[in-house]
Protein backbone atom coordinates (compact mmCIF):
# COMPACT_ATOMS: atom_id res chain seq x y z
CA MET A 1 0.00 0.00 0.00
CA SER A 2 1.23 3.52 -0.80
CA GLN A 3 2.24 5.87 1.99
CA TRP A 4 1.47 9.56 2.26
CA ILE A 5 4.30 11.80 1.06
CA ASP A 6 4.92 15.08 2.88
CA VAL A 7 5.02 17.97 0.37
CA THR A 8 7.90 19.56 2.30
CA LYS A 9 10.00 16.50 1.47
CA GLN A 10 8.83 15.77 -2.08
CA ARG A 11 6.39 17.32 -4.53
CA PRO A 12 4.36 15.19 -6.95
CA PRO A 13 5.94 14.67 -10.40
CA ILE A 14 5.57 17.80 -12.51
CA ARG A 15 3.31 17.31 -15.50
CA LYS A 16 3.19 20.91 -16.72
CA ILE A 17 5.10 24.13 -16.09
CA LEU A 18 3.25 27.37 -16.71
CA SER A 19 6.23 29.57 -17.38
CA ASP A 20 5.01 32.52 -19.43
CA PRO A 21 6.54 35.69 -17.98
CA CYS A 22 4.10 37.42 -15.67
CA GLN A 23 4.39 40.43 -13.38
CA ILE A 24 2.07 41.65 -10.66
CA ASP A 25 2.66 45.09 -9.15
CA GLY A 26 6.06 45.20 -10.87
CA GLU A 27 7.27 41.89 -9.40
CA GLU A 28 7.80 38.80 -11.50
CA VAL A 29 5.61 35.86 -10.52
CA PRO A 30 7.58 32.60 -10.19
CA HIS A 31 6.82 29.60 -12.43
CA LEU A 32 3.68 27.66 -11.58
CA TYR A 33 4.11 23.89 -11.48
CA ARG A 34 1.21 21.51 -11.99
CA SER A 35 1.20 17.79 -11.19
CA GLY A 36 -0.81 15.01 -12.78
CA GLU A 37 -3.72 13.48 -10.88
CA VAL A 38 -2.83 12.36 -7.34
CA ILE A 39 -4.58 11.76 -4.01
CA CYS A 40 -4.28 14.81 -1.74
CA TRP A 41 -4.61 15.53 1.98
CA ASP A 42 -5.11 19.08 3.27
CA GLY A 43 -5.28 18.32 6.99
CA LYS A 44 -9.06 17.90 6.92
CA ARG A 45 -10.03 15.74 3.96
CA VAL A 46 -8.78 13.40 1.27
CA SER A 47 -9.46 14.32 -2.34
CA GLY A 48 -8.21 13.49 -5.80
CA GLY A 49 -6.85 16.21 -7.98
CA ILE A 50 -3.96 18.16 -9.39
CA VAL A 51 -1.45 19.84 -7.08
CA GLU A 52 -0.22 23.31 -8.08
CA TRP A 53 2.62 25.31 -6.54
CA PHE A 54 4.82 28.25 -7.37
CA HIS A 55 8.56 27.62 -7.59
CA GLY A 56 10.03 27.42 -4.10
CA GLN A 57 6.68 27.74 -2.33
CA LYS A 58 4.13 25.48 -0.64
CA PRO A 59 1.36 23.89 -2.73
CA LEU A 60 -1.80 25.93 -3.23
CA GLY A 61 -5.01 24.91 -1.50
CA GLY A 62 -3.31 23.89 1.75
CA ILE A 63 -2.18 20.48 0.46
CA THR A 64 0.20 18.95 3.03
CA HIS A 65 0.54 15.36 1.76
CA TRP A 66 -0.04 13.41 -1.44
CA MET A 67 0.22 9.89 -2.87
CA PRO A 68 0.04 8.44 -6.38
CA LEU A 69 -3.29 7.13 -7.63
CA PRO A 70 -3.62 3.34 -7.45
CA ASP A 71 -3.68 1.32 -10.66
CA ALA A 72 -7.03 1.17 -12.44
CA PRO A 73 -9.04 -2.02 -11.88
CA GLU A 74 -8.60 -4.80 -14.39
CA GLU A 75 -11.48 -5.79 -16.67
CA GLY A 76 -13.71 -8.42 -15.03
CA ALA A 77 -12.04 -8.04 -11.64
């Protein structure tokens, strides 16, 4: 069985980097990283989804832990 992974130790694999230059109030916004689908924990509930975080920062939405999705069921199982 998979174990929860603390986001401070390891982020989910990056699936997409949104790296178009962007500035807000004259400051450049760091790259936004987006994972593929994973199971997430935010300290209150478990959900499935995509984890997003800016370079060098904590994940958005309060995600504290994650784990890979299990394999899909086999046909007829």
